[in-house]
Amino acid sequence: MTAGESRPQVAKDGGDAETEQPPPPGEVYPPQLHAGKVGLGPMYHQGPDLADRIGGFQEELRGKITHNAERVQHGHDRMTGELKRKEQEEYDASNPFETTEETKGKEKAE
């Protein structure tokens, strides 16, 4: 086995060494179907994970034992993912460029 057989050389026109015909001019690269790295994205996992489901179930059970309706509802919301969704909506609605000092100043001025 010679060195040429163990390592196929890349052709100068962009095709593989095993390609019989070179690609047509102007079509050296395949068309780009995305504008960058393709990944899962920030919205991949929105639902409750296992820890949320178990913790919500525990909290709901403790609320039922102590007859605390608020705790039962909070545990149910945590278990179903509703609590996480509400927190995300509050986070999305907040203005990241407004500080607490600015809001205090606006309240005093009015």
PDB file of N, CA and C in Angstrom:
ATOM      1  N   MET A   1       0.852  -1.168   0.000  1.00  0.00           N
ATOM      2  CA  MET A   1       0.000   0.000   0.000  1.00  0.00           C
ATOM      3  C   MET A   1       0.897   1.229   0.000  1.00  0.00           C
ATOM      4  N   THR A   2       0.686   2.100  -0.916  1.00  0.00           N
ATOM      5  CA  THR A   2       1.499   3.307  -1.013  1.00  0.00           C
ATOM      6  C   THR A   2       0.822   4.453  -0.282  1.00  0.00           C
ATOM      7  N   ALA A   3       1.573   5.512  -0.116  1.00  0.00           N
ATOM      8  CA  ALA A   3       1.038   6.669   0.600  1.00  0.00           C
ATOM      9  C   ALA A   3      -0.140   7.289  -0.125  1.00  0.00           C
ATOM     10  N   GLY A   4      -0.144   7.243  -1.455  1.00  0.00           N
ATOM     11  CA  GLY A   4      -1.240   7.823  -2.227  1.00  0.00           C
ATOM     12  C   GLY A   4      -2.545   7.068  -2.055  1.00  0.00           C
ATOM     13  N   GLU A   5      -2.456   5.756  -1.784  1.00  0.00           N
ATOM     14  CA  GLU A   5      -3.664   4.964  -1.629  1.00  0.00           C
ATOM     15  C   GLU A   5      -4.277   5.123  -0.249  1.00  0.00           C
ATOM     16  N   SER A   6      -3.463   5.362   0.760  1.00  0.00           N
ATOM     17  CA  SER A   6      -3.999   5.473   2.106  1.00  0.00           C
ATOM     18  C   SER A   6      -4.623   6.836   2.376  1.00  0.00           C
ATOM     19  N   ARG A   7      -4.199   7.867   1.648  1.00  0.00           N
ATOM     20  CA  ARG A   7      -4.740   9.207   1.836  1.00  0.00           C
ATOM     21  C   ARG A   7      -5.218   9.749   0.493  1.00  0.00           C
ATOM     22  N   PRO A   8      -6.501   9.795   0.258  1.00  0.00           N
ATOM     23  CA  PRO A   8      -6.955  10.368  -1.001  1.00  0.00           C
ATOM     24  C   PRO A   8      -6.677  11.865  -1.021  1.00  0.00           C
ATOM     25  N   GLN A   9      -6.170  12.347  -2.114  1.00  0.00           N
ATOM     26  CA  GLN A   9      -5.829  13.763  -2.245  1.00  0.00           C
ATOM     27  C   GLN A   9      -7.069  14.539  -2.654  1.00  0.00           C
ATOM     28  N   VAL A  10      -7.180  15.750  -2.156  1.00  0.00           N
ATOM     29  CA  VAL A  10      -8.303  16.605  -2.492  1.00  0.00           C
ATOM     30  C   VAL A  10      -8.015  17.271  -3.824  1.00  0.00           C
ATOM     31  N   ALA A  11      -8.987  17.274  -4.702  1.00  0.00           N
ATOM     32  CA  ALA A  11      -8.813  17.892  -6.014  1.00  0.00           C
ATOM     33  C   ALA A  11      -8.765  19.408  -5.865  1.00  0.00           C
ATOM     34  N   LYS A  12      -8.108  20.073  -6.779  1.00  0.00           N
ATOM     35  CA  LYS A  12      -7.939  21.518  -6.698  1.00  0.00           C
ATOM     36  C   LYS A  12      -9.222  22.279  -6.999  1.00  0.00           C
ATOM     37  N   ASP A  13     -10.172  21.670  -7.694  1.00  0.00           N
ATOM     38  CA  ASP A  13     -11.397  22.382  -8.050  1.00  0.00           C
ATOM     39  C   ASP A  13     -12.482  22.269  -6.983  1.00  0.00           C
ATOM     40  N   GLY A  14     -12.207  21.704  -5.838  1.00  0.00           N
ATOM     41  CA  GLY A  14     -13.162  21.612  -4.747  1.00  0.00           C
ATOM     42  C   GLY A  14     -13.858  20.278  -4.650  1.00  0.00           C
ATOM     43  N   GLY A  15     -13.727  19.408  -5.622  1.00  0.00           N
ATOM     44  CA  GLY A  15     -14.351  18.101  -5.581  1.00  0.00           C
ATOM     45  C   GLY A  15     -13.457  17.098  -4.882  1.00  0.00           C
ATOM     46  N   ASP A  16     -13.985  15.944  -4.585  1.00  0.00           N
ATOM     47  CA  ASP A  16     -13.185  14.881  -3.989  1.00  0.00           C
ATOM     48  C   ASP A  16     -12.322  14.235  -5.065  1.00  0.00           C
ATOM     49  N   ALA A  17     -11.297  13.516  -4.624  1.00  0.00           N
ATOM     50  CA  ALA A  17     -10.424  12.822  -5.567  1.00  0.00           C
ATOM     51  C   ALA A  17     -11.171  11.691  -6.256  1.00  0.00           C
ATOM     52  N   GLU A  18     -12.198  11.140  -5.584  1.00  0.00           N
ATOM     53  CA  GLU A  18     -12.944  10.032  -6.143  1.00  0.00           C
ATOM     54  C   GLU A  18     -14.036  10.495  -7.105  1.00  0.00           C
ATOM     55  N   THR A  19     -14.327  11.778  -7.157  1.00  0.00           N
ATOM     56  CA  THR A  19     -15.364  12.295  -8.035  1.00  0.00           C
ATOM     57  C   THR A  19     -14.888  12.222  -9.478  1.00  0.00           C
ATOM     58  N   GLU A  20     -15.721  11.671 -10.332  1.00  0.00           N
ATOM     59  CA  GLU A  20     -15.327  11.532 -11.729  1.00  0.00           C
ATOM     60  C   GLU A  20     -15.443  12.849 -12.478  1.00  0.00           C
ATOM     61  N   GLN A  21     -16.518  13.592 -12.222  1.00  0.00           N
ATOM     62  CA  GLN A  21     -16.709  14.860 -12.911  1.00  0.00           C
ATOM     63  C   GLN A  21     -16.589  15.998 -11.903  1.00  0.00           C
ATOM     64  N   PRO A  22     -15.909  17.060 -12.269  1.00  0.00           N
ATOM     65  CA  PRO A  22     -15.834  18.200 -11.358  1.00  0.00           C
ATOM     66  C   PRO A  22     -17.192  18.896 -11.285  1.00  0.00           C
ATOM     67  N   PRO A  23     -17.460  19.600 -10.197  1.00  0.00           N
ATOM     68  CA  PRO A  23     -18.741  20.304 -10.094  1.00  0.00           C
ATOM     69  C   PRO A  23     -18.827  21.407 -11.145  1.00  0.00           C
ATOM     70  N   PRO A  24     -20.028  21.758 -11.581  1.00  0.00           N
ATOM     71  CA  PRO A  24     -20.155  22.819 -12.582  1.00  0.00           C
ATOM     72  C   PRO A  24     -19.638  24.141 -12.029  1.00  0.00           C
ATOM     73  N   PRO A  25     -19.138  25.014 -12.900  1.00  0.00           N
ATOM     74  CA  PRO A  25     -18.608  26.290 -12.410  1.00  0.00           C
ATOM     75  C   PRO A  25     -19.706  27.117 -11.747  1.00  0.00           C
ATOM     76  N   GLY A  26     -19.352  27.749 -10.651  1.00  0.00           N
ATOM     77  CA  GLY A  26     -20.308  28.555  -9.901  1.00  0.00           C
ATOM     78  C   GLY A  26     -21.041  27.780  -8.822  1.00  0.00           C
ATOM     79  N   GLU A  27     -20.939  26.472  -8.807  1.00  0.00           N
ATOM     80  CA  GLU A  27     -21.604  25.658  -7.796  1.00  0.00           C
ATOM     81  C   GLU A  27     -20.576  24.819  -7.055  1.00  0.00           C
ATOM     82  N   VAL A  28     -19.583  25.469  -6.507  1.00  0.00           N
ATOM     83  CA  VAL A  28     -18.538  24.761  -5.797  1.00  0.00           C
ATOM     84  C   VAL A  28     -19.052  24.294  -4.438  1.00  0.00           C
ATOM     85  N   TYR A  29     -19.848  25.144  -3.757  1.00  0.00           N
ATOM     86  CA  TYR A  29     -20.352  24.819  -2.433  1.00  0.00           C
ATOM     87  C   TYR A  29     -21.852  24.545  -2.505  1.00  0.00           C
ATOM     88  N   PRO A  30     -22.368  23.715  -1.623  1.00  0.00           N
ATOM     89  CA  PRO A  30     -23.817  23.503  -1.601  1.00  0.00           C
ATOM     90  C   PRO A  30     -24.520  24.766  -1.098  1.00  0.00           C
ATOM     91  N   PRO A  31     -25.788  24.929  -1.397  1.00  0.00           N
ATOM     92  CA  PRO A  31     -26.488  26.141  -0.947  1.00  0.00           C
ATOM     93  C   PRO A  31     -26.582  26.177   0.574  1.00  0.00           C
ATOM     94  N   GLN A  32     -26.447  27.370   1.139  1.00  0.00           N
ATOM     95  CA  GLN A  32     -26.524  27.536   2.588  1.00  0.00           C
ATOM     96  C   GLN A  32     -27.989  27.614   2.992  1.00  0.00           C
ATOM     97  N   LEU A  33     -28.391  26.738   3.875  1.00  0.00           N
ATOM     98  CA  LEU A  33     -29.782  26.676   4.283  1.00  0.00           C
ATOM     99  C   LEU A  33     -30.026  27.326   5.633  1.00  0.00           C
ATOM    100  N   HIS A  34     -28.999  27.739   6.317  1.00  0.00           N
ATOM    101  CA  HIS A  34     -29.144  28.418   7.597  1.00  0.00           C
ATOM    102  C   HIS A  34     -28.075  29.485   7.688  1.00  0.00           C
ATOM    103  N   ALA A  35     -28.239  30.387   8.637  1.00  0.00           N
ATOM    104  CA  ALA A  35     -27.335  31.533   8.720  1.00  0.00           C
ATOM    105  C   ALA A  35     -26.288  31.381   9.806  1.00  0.00           C
ATOM    106  N   GLY A  36     -26.057  30.218  10.291  1.00  0.00           N
ATOM    107  CA  GLY A  36     -25.052  30.045  11.328  1.00  0.00           C
ATOM    108  C   GLY A  36     -25.148  28.665  11.944  1.00  0.00           C
ATOM    109  N   LYS A  37     -24.688  28.596  13.165  1.00  0.00           N
ATOM    110  CA  LYS A  37     -24.687  27.324  13.869  1.00  0.00           C
ATOM    111  C   LYS A  37     -26.123  26.872  14.132  1.00  0.00           C
ATOM    112  N   VAL A  38     -26.407  25.647  13.830  1.00  0.00           N
ATOM    113  CA  VAL A  38     -27.729  25.100  14.067  1.00  0.00           C
ATOM    114  C   VAL A  38     -27.684  24.372  15.399  1.00  0.00           C
ATOM    115  N   GLY A  39     -28.527  24.780  16.312  1.00  0.00           N
ATOM    116  CA  GLY A  39     -28.543  24.152  17.619  1.00  0.00           C
ATOM    117  C   GLY A  39     -29.961  24.049  18.138  1.00  0.00           C
ATOM    118  N   LEU A  40     -30.077  23.768  19.403  1.00  0.00           N
ATOM    119  CA  LEU A  40     -31.384  23.585  19.999  1.00  0.00           C
ATOM    120  C   LEU A  40     -32.077  24.910  20.279  1.00  0.00           C
ATOM    121  N   GLY A  41     -31.335  25.939  20.574  1.00  0.00           N
ATOM    122  CA  GLY A  41     -31.926  27.250  20.798  1.00  0.00           C
ATOM    123  C   GLY A  41     -32.298  27.482  22.248  1.00  0.00           C
ATOM    124  N   PRO A  42     -32.615  28.721  22.584  1.00  0.00           N
ATOM    125  CA  PRO A  42     -32.905  29.057  23.975  1.00  0.00           C
ATOM    126  C   PRO A  42     -34.266  28.565  24.448  1.00  0.00           C
ATOM    127  N   MET A  43     -35.154  28.246  23.538  1.00  0.00           N
ATOM    128  CA  MET A  43     -36.498  27.842  23.933  1.00  0.00           C
ATOM    129  C   MET A  43     -36.676  26.322  23.864  1.00  0.00           C
ATOM    130  N   TYR A  44     -35.576  25.582  23.947  1.00  0.00           N
ATOM    131  CA  TYR A  44     -35.642  24.133  23.783  1.00  0.00           C
ATOM    132  C   TYR A  44     -36.464  23.477  24.879  1.00  0.00           C
ATOM    133  N   HIS A  45     -36.137  23.760  26.121  1.00  0.00           N
ATOM    134  CA  HIS A  45     -36.793  23.075  27.230  1.00  0.00           C
ATOM    135  C   HIS A  45     -37.626  24.076  28.008  1.00  0.00           C
ATOM    136  N   GLN A  46     -38.912  24.135  27.729  1.00  0.00           N
ATOM    137  CA  GLN A  46     -39.771  25.090  28.409  1.00  0.00           C
ATOM    138  C   GLN A  46     -40.624  24.441  29.482  1.00  0.00           C
ATOM    139  N   GLY A  47     -40.917  23.200  29.361  1.00  0.00           N
ATOM    140  CA  GLY A  47     -41.793  22.527  30.310  1.00  0.00           C
ATOM    141  C   GLY A  47     -41.072  22.204  31.605  1.00  0.00           C
ATOM    142  N   PRO A  48     -41.813  21.667  32.562  1.00  0.00           N
ATOM    143  CA  PRO A  48     -41.190  21.316  33.838  1.00  0.00           C
ATOM    144  C   PRO A  48     -40.289  20.099  33.686  1.00  0.00           C
ATOM    145  N   ASP A  49     -39.164  20.125  34.378  1.00  0.00           N
ATOM    146  CA  ASP A  49     -38.283  18.970  34.344  1.00  0.00           C
ATOM    147  C   ASP A  49     -38.648  18.038  35.497  1.00  0.00           C
ATOM    148  N   LEU A  50     -37.882  17.009  35.670  1.00  0.00           N
ATOM    149  CA  LEU A  50     -38.200  16.001  36.682  1.00  0.00           C
ATOM    150  C   LEU A  50     -38.168  16.593  38.086  1.00  0.00           C
ATOM    151  N   ALA A  51     -37.207  17.463  38.365  1.00  0.00           N
ATOM    152  CA  ALA A  51     -37.112  18.074  39.696  1.00  0.00           C
ATOM    153  C   ALA A  51     -38.330  18.949  39.983  1.00  0.00           C
ATOM    154  N   ASP A  52     -38.812  19.682  38.988  1.00  0.00           N
ATOM    155  CA  ASP A  52     -40.006  20.507  39.179  1.00  0.00           C
ATOM    156  C   ASP A  52     -41.235  19.645  39.436  1.00  0.00           C
ATOM    157  N   ARG A  53     -41.355  18.550  38.705  1.00  0.00           N
ATOM    158  CA  ARG A  53     -42.521  17.684  38.892  1.00  0.00           C
ATOM    159  C   ARG A  53     -42.515  17.025  40.269  1.00  0.00           C
ATOM    160  N   ILE A  54     -41.358  16.551  40.702  1.00  0.00           N
ATOM    161  CA  ILE A  54     -41.280  15.895  42.014  1.00  0.00           C
ATOM    162  C   ILE A  54     -41.468  16.922  43.126  1.00  0.00           C
ATOM    163  N   GLY A  55     -40.795  18.071  43.006  1.00  0.00           N
ATOM    164  CA  GLY A  55     -40.940  19.117  44.021  1.00  0.00           C
ATOM    165  C   GLY A  55     -42.351  19.655  44.087  1.00  0.00           C
ATOM    166  N   GLY A  56     -43.000  19.809  42.938  1.00  0.00           N
ATOM    167  CA  GLY A  56     -44.390  20.266  42.918  1.00  0.00           C
ATOM    168  C   GLY A  56     -45.318  19.258  43.552  1.00  0.00           C
ATOM    169  N   PHE A  57     -45.074  17.983  43.283  1.00  0.00           N
ATOM    170  CA  PHE A  57     -45.899  16.943  43.894  1.00  0.00           C
ATOM    171  C   PHE A  57     -45.727  16.933  45.409  1.00  0.00           C
ATOM    172  N   GLN A  58     -44.479  17.078  45.882  1.00  0.00           N
ATOM    173  CA  GLN A  58     -44.234  17.125  47.327  1.00  0.00           C
ATOM    174  C   GLN A  58     -44.943  18.318  47.957  1.00  0.00           C
ATOM    175  N   GLU A  59     -44.834  19.482  47.297  1.00  0.00           N
ATOM    176  CA  GLU A  59     -45.457  20.684  47.846  1.00  0.00           C
ATOM    177  C   GLU A  59     -46.982  20.562  47.839  1.00  0.00           C
ATOM    178  N   GLU A  60     -47.524  19.984  46.790  1.00  0.00           N
ATOM    179  CA  GLU A  60     -48.974  19.791  46.719  1.00  0.00           C
ATOM    180  C   GLU A  60     -49.436  18.825  47.808  1.00  0.00           C
ATOM    181  N   LEU A  61     -48.677  17.777  48.032  1.00  0.00           N
ATOM    182  CA  LEU A  61     -49.024  16.803  49.068  1.00  0.00           C
ATOM    183  C   LEU A  61     -48.949  17.424  50.458  1.00  0.00           C
ATOM    184  N   ARG A  62     -47.904  18.214  50.722  1.00  0.00           N
ATOM    185  CA  ARG A  62     -47.789  18.890  52.022  1.00  0.00           C
ATOM    186  C   ARG A  62     -48.936  19.875  52.227  1.00  0.00           C
ATOM    187  N   GLY A  63     -49.341  20.545  51.155  1.00  0.00           N
ATOM    188  CA  GLY A  63     -50.468  21.465  51.257  1.00  0.00           C
ATOM    189  C   GLY A  63     -51.765  20.750  51.559  1.00  0.00           C
ATOM    190  N   LYS A  64     -51.950  19.559  50.984  1.00  0.00           N
ATOM    191  CA  LYS A  64     -53.167  18.795  51.257  1.00  0.00           C
ATOM    192  C   LYS A  64     -53.178  18.274  52.689  1.00  0.00           C
ATOM    193  N   ILE A  65     -52.004  17.886  53.177  1.00  0.00           N
ATOM    194  CA  ILE A  65     -51.925  17.373  54.549  1.00  0.00           C
ATOM    195  C   ILE A  65     -52.205  18.480  55.555  1.00  0.00           C
ATOM    196  N   THR A  66     -51.648  19.676  55.304  1.00  0.00           N
ATOM    197  CA  THR A  66     -51.834  20.800  56.232  1.00  0.00           C
ATOM    198  C   THR A  66     -53.081  21.618  55.909  1.00  0.00           C
ATOM    199  N   HIS A  67     -53.856  21.219  54.913  1.00  0.00           N
ATOM    200  CA  HIS A  67     -55.070  21.928  54.479  1.00  0.00           C
ATOM    201  C   HIS A  67     -54.775  23.377  54.114  1.00  0.00           C
ATOM    202  N   ASN A  68     -53.675  23.577  53.411  1.00  0.00           N
ATOM    203  CA  ASN A  68     -53.272  24.903  52.949  1.00  0.00           C
ATOM    204  C   ASN A  68     -53.523  24.960  51.438  1.00  0.00           C
ATOM    205  N   ALA A  69     -54.609  25.643  51.054  1.00  0.00           N
ATOM    206  CA  ALA A  69     -55.017  25.677  49.648  1.00  0.00           C
ATOM    207  C   ALA A  69     -54.001  26.415  48.778  1.00  0.00           C
ATOM    208  N   GLU A  70     -53.375  27.457  49.319  1.00  0.00           N
ATOM    209  CA  GLU A  70     -52.382  28.205  48.542  1.00  0.00           C
ATOM    210  C   GLU A  70     -51.173  27.329  48.210  1.00  0.00           C
ATOM    211  N   ARG A  71     -50.756  26.537  49.177  1.00  0.00           N
ATOM    212  CA  ARG A  71     -49.602  25.658  48.954  1.00  0.00           C
ATOM    213  C   ARG A  71     -49.940  24.549  47.954  1.00  0.00           C
ATOM    214  N   VAL A  72     -51.172  24.062  48.019  1.00  0.00           N
ATOM    215  CA  VAL A  72     -51.609  23.043  47.063  1.00  0.00           C
ATOM    216  C   VAL A  72     -51.582  23.618  45.655  1.00  0.00           C
ATOM    217  N   GLN A  73     -52.115  24.840  45.501  1.00  0.00           N
ATOM    218  CA  GLN A  73     -52.144  25.464  44.179  1.00  0.00           C
ATOM    219  C   GLN A  73     -50.733  25.761  43.672  1.00  0.00           C
ATOM    220  N   HIS A  74     -49.859  26.242  44.565  1.00  0.00           N
ATOM    221  CA  HIS A  74     -48.477  26.538  44.178  1.00  0.00           C
ATOM    222  C   HIS A  74     -47.762  25.258  43.738  1.00  0.00           C
ATOM    223  N   GLY A  75     -47.974  24.174  44.473  1.00  0.00           N
ATOM    224  CA  GLY A  75     -47.365  22.894  44.104  1.00  0.00           C
ATOM    225  C   GLY A  75     -47.895  22.373  42.781  1.00  0.00           C
ATOM    226  N   HIS A  76     -49.199  22.552  42.563  1.00  0.00           N
ATOM    227  CA  HIS A  76     -49.786  22.106  41.299  1.00  0.00           C
ATOM    228  C   HIS A  76     -49.241  22.926  40.131  1.00  0.00           C
ATOM    229  N   ASP A  77     -49.126  24.244  40.321  1.00  0.00           N
ATOM    230  CA  ASP A  77     -48.576  25.107  39.272  1.00  0.00           C
ATOM    231  C   ASP A  77     -47.123  24.750  38.970  1.00  0.00           C
ATOM    232  N   ARG A  78     -46.376  24.420  40.012  1.00  0.00           N
ATOM    233  CA  ARG A  78     -44.973  24.042  39.817  1.00  0.00           C
ATOM    234  C   ARG A  78     -44.870  22.710  39.087  1.00  0.00           C
ATOM    235  N   MET A  79     -45.752  21.781  39.440  1.00  0.00           N
ATOM    236  CA  MET A  79     -45.710  20.450  38.850  1.00  0.00           C
ATOM    237  C   MET A  79     -46.107  20.487  37.369  1.00  0.00           C
ATOM    238  N   THR A  80     -47.054  21.336  37.006  1.00  0.00           N
ATOM    239  CA  THR A  80     -47.525  21.391  35.622  1.00  0.00           C
ATOM    240  C   THR A  80     -46.708  22.328  34.752  1.00  0.00           C
ATOM    241  N   GLY A  81     -45.850  23.155  35.350  1.00  0.00           N
ATOM    242  CA  GLY A  81     -45.032  24.080  34.572  1.00  0.00           C
ATOM    243  C   GLY A  81     -45.639  25.459  34.449  1.00  0.00           C
ATOM    244  N   GLU A  82     -46.814  25.657  35.029  1.00  0.00           N
ATOM    245  CA  GLU A  82     -47.489  26.956  34.961  1.00  0.00           C
ATOM    246  C   GLU A  82     -46.693  28.025  35.703  1.00  0.00           C
ATOM    247  N   LEU A  83     -46.083  27.672  36.814  1.00  0.00           N
ATOM    248  CA  LEU A  83     -45.287  28.629  37.589  1.00  0.00           C
ATOM    249  C   LEU A  83     -44.079  29.099  36.783  1.00  0.00           C
ATOM    250  N   LYS A  84     -43.409  28.190  36.109  1.00  0.00           N
ATOM    251  CA  LYS A  84     -42.249  28.540  35.283  1.00  0.00           C
ATOM    252  C   LYS A  84     -42.672  29.447  34.124  1.00  0.00           C
ATOM    253  N   ARG A  85     -43.849  29.171  33.537  1.00  0.00           N
ATOM    254  CA  ARG A  85     -44.355  29.982  32.439  1.00  0.00           C
ATOM    255  C   ARG A  85     -44.676  31.398  32.909  1.00  0.00           C
ATOM    256  N   LYS A  86     -45.290  31.531  34.092  1.00  0.00           N
ATOM    257  CA  LYS A  86     -45.612  32.856  34.636  1.00  0.00           C
ATOM    258  C   LYS A  86     -44.340  33.646  34.937  1.00  0.00           C
ATOM    259  N   GLU A  87     -43.338  32.982  35.508  1.00  0.00           N
ATOM    260  CA  GLU A  87     -42.068  33.659  35.795  1.00  0.00           C
ATOM    261  C   GLU A  87     -41.395  34.124  34.508  1.00  0.00           C
ATOM    262  N   GLN A  88     -41.466  33.319  33.457  1.00  0.00           N
ATOM    263  CA  GLN A  88     -40.871  33.700  32.180  1.00  0.00           C
ATOM    264  C   GLN A  88     -41.613  34.877  31.561  1.00  0.00           C
ATOM    265  N   GLU A  89     -42.937  34.908  31.690  1.00  0.00           N
ATOM    266  CA  GLU A  89     -43.712  36.037  31.171  1.00  0.00           C
ATOM    267  C   GLU A  89     -43.363  37.323  31.909  1.00  0.00           C
ATOM    268  N   GLU A  90     -43.195  37.247  33.234  1.00  0.00           N
ATOM    269  CA  GLU A  90     -42.804  38.428  34.011  1.00  0.00           C
ATOM    270  C   GLU A  90     -41.412  38.899  33.601  1.00  0.00           C
ATOM    271  N   TYR A  91     -40.524  37.963  33.376  1.00  0.00           N
ATOM    272  CA  TYR A  91     -39.165  38.310  32.966  1.00  0.00           C
ATOM    273  C   TYR A  91     -39.168  38.962  31.588  1.00  0.00           C
ATOM    274  N   ASP A  92     -39.968  38.430  30.678  1.00  0.00           N
ATOM    275  CA  ASP A  92     -40.051  38.994  29.330  1.00  0.00           C
ATOM    276  C   ASP A  92     -40.685  40.378  29.335  1.00  0.00           C
ATOM    277  N   ALA A  93     -41.635  40.606  30.246  1.00  0.00           N
ATOM    278  CA  ALA A  93     -42.333  41.892  30.294  1.00  0.00           C
ATOM    279  C   ALA A  93     -41.495  42.980  30.963  1.00  0.00           C
ATOM    280  N   SER A  94     -40.516  42.605  31.755  1.00  0.00           N
ATOM    281  CA  SER A  94     -39.711  43.603  32.458  1.00  0.00           C
ATOM    282  C   SER A  94     -38.779  44.314  31.487  1.00  0.00           C
ATOM    283  N   ASN A  95     -38.462  45.564  31.798  1.00  0.00           N
ATOM    284  CA  ASN A  95     -37.574  46.371  30.968  1.00  0.00           C
ATOM    285  C   ASN A  95     -36.156  46.221  31.506  1.00  0.00           C
ATOM    286  N   PRO A  96     -35.233  45.636  30.772  1.00  0.00           N
ATOM    287  CA  PRO A  96     -33.884  45.421  31.292  1.00  0.00           C
ATOM    288  C   PRO A  96     -33.074  46.709  31.413  1.00  0.00           C
ATOM    289  N   PHE A  97     -33.500  47.773  30.740  1.00  0.00           N
ATOM    290  CA  PHE A  97     -32.750  49.020  30.763  1.00  0.00           C
ATOM    291  C   PHE A  97     -33.236  49.972  31.844  1.00  0.00           C
ATOM    292  N   GLU A  98     -34.282  49.603  32.533  1.00  0.00           N
ATOM    293  CA  GLU A  98     -34.822  50.449  33.587  1.00  0.00           C
ATOM    294  C   GLU A  98     -34.383  49.889  34.938  1.00  0.00           C
ATOM    295  N   THR A  99     -33.702  50.695  35.720  1.00  0.00           N
ATOM    296  CA  THR A  99     -33.233  50.234  37.025  1.00  0.00           C
ATOM    297  C   THR A  99     -34.268  50.553  38.084  1.00  0.00           C
ATOM    298  N   THR A 100     -34.074  50.015  39.270  1.00  0.00           N
ATOM    299  CA  THR A 100     -35.021  50.276  40.346  1.00  0.00           C
ATOM    300  C   THR A 100     -34.948  51.730  40.797  1.00  0.00           C
ATOM    301  N   GLU A 101     -33.794  52.367  40.680  1.00  0.00           N
ATOM    302  CA  GLU A 101     -33.670  53.773  41.056  1.00  0.00           C
ATOM    303  C   GLU A 101     -34.496  54.654  40.129  1.00  0.00           C
ATOM    304  N   GLU A 102     -34.530  54.321  38.846  1.00  0.00           N
ATOM    305  CA  GLU A 102     -35.319  55.095  37.895  1.00  0.00           C
ATOM    306  C   GLU A 102     -36.807  54.957  38.185  1.00  0.00           C
ATOM    307  N   THR A 103     -37.239  53.761  38.556  1.00  0.00           N
ATOM    308  CA  THR A 103     -38.658  53.588  38.854  1.00  0.00           C
ATOM    309  C   THR A 103     -39.024  54.321  40.127  1.00  0.00           C
ATOM    310  N   LYS A 104     -38.119  54.349  41.104  1.00  0.00           N
ATOM    311  CA  LYS A 104     -38.384  55.096  42.334  1.00  0.00           C
ATOM    312  C   LYS A 104     -38.454  56.588  42.044  1.00  0.00           C
ATOM    313  N   GLY A 105     -37.573  57.061  41.171  1.00  0.00           N
ATOM    314  CA  GLY A 105     -37.569  58.475  40.801  1.00  0.00           C
ATOM    315  C   GLY A 105     -38.840  58.868  40.070  1.00  0.00           C
ATOM    316  N   LYS A 106     -39.364  57.999  39.234  1.00  0.00           N
ATOM    317  CA  LYS A 106     -40.606  58.275  38.511  1.00  0.00           C
ATOM    318  C   LYS A 106     -41.786  58.328  39.472  1.00  0.00           C
ATOM    319  N   GLU A 107     -41.799  57.431  40.455  1.00  0.00           N
ATOM    320  CA  GLU A 107     -42.903  57.410  41.408  1.00  0.00           C
ATOM    321  C   GLU A 107     -42.901  58.664  42.271  1.00  0.00           C
ATOM    322  N   LYS A 108     -41.721  59.153  42.658  1.00  0.00           N
ATOM    323  CA  LYS A 108     -41.625  60.355  43.479  1.00  0.00           C
ATOM    324  C   LYS A 108     -42.023  61.592  42.679  1.00  0.00           C
ATOM    325  N   ALA A 109     -41.678  61.622  41.394  1.00  0.00           N
ATOM    326  CA  ALA A 109     -41.983  62.783  40.554  1.00  0.00           C
ATOM    327  C   ALA A 109     -43.482  62.893  40.302  1.00  0.00           C
ATOM    328  N   GLU A 110     -44.172  61.801  40.261  1.00  0.00           N
ATOM    329  CA  GLU A 110     -45.612  61.821  39.986  1.00  0.00           C
ATOM    330  C   GLU A 110     -46.341  62.051  41.245  1.00  0.00           C
TER     331      GLU A 110
END
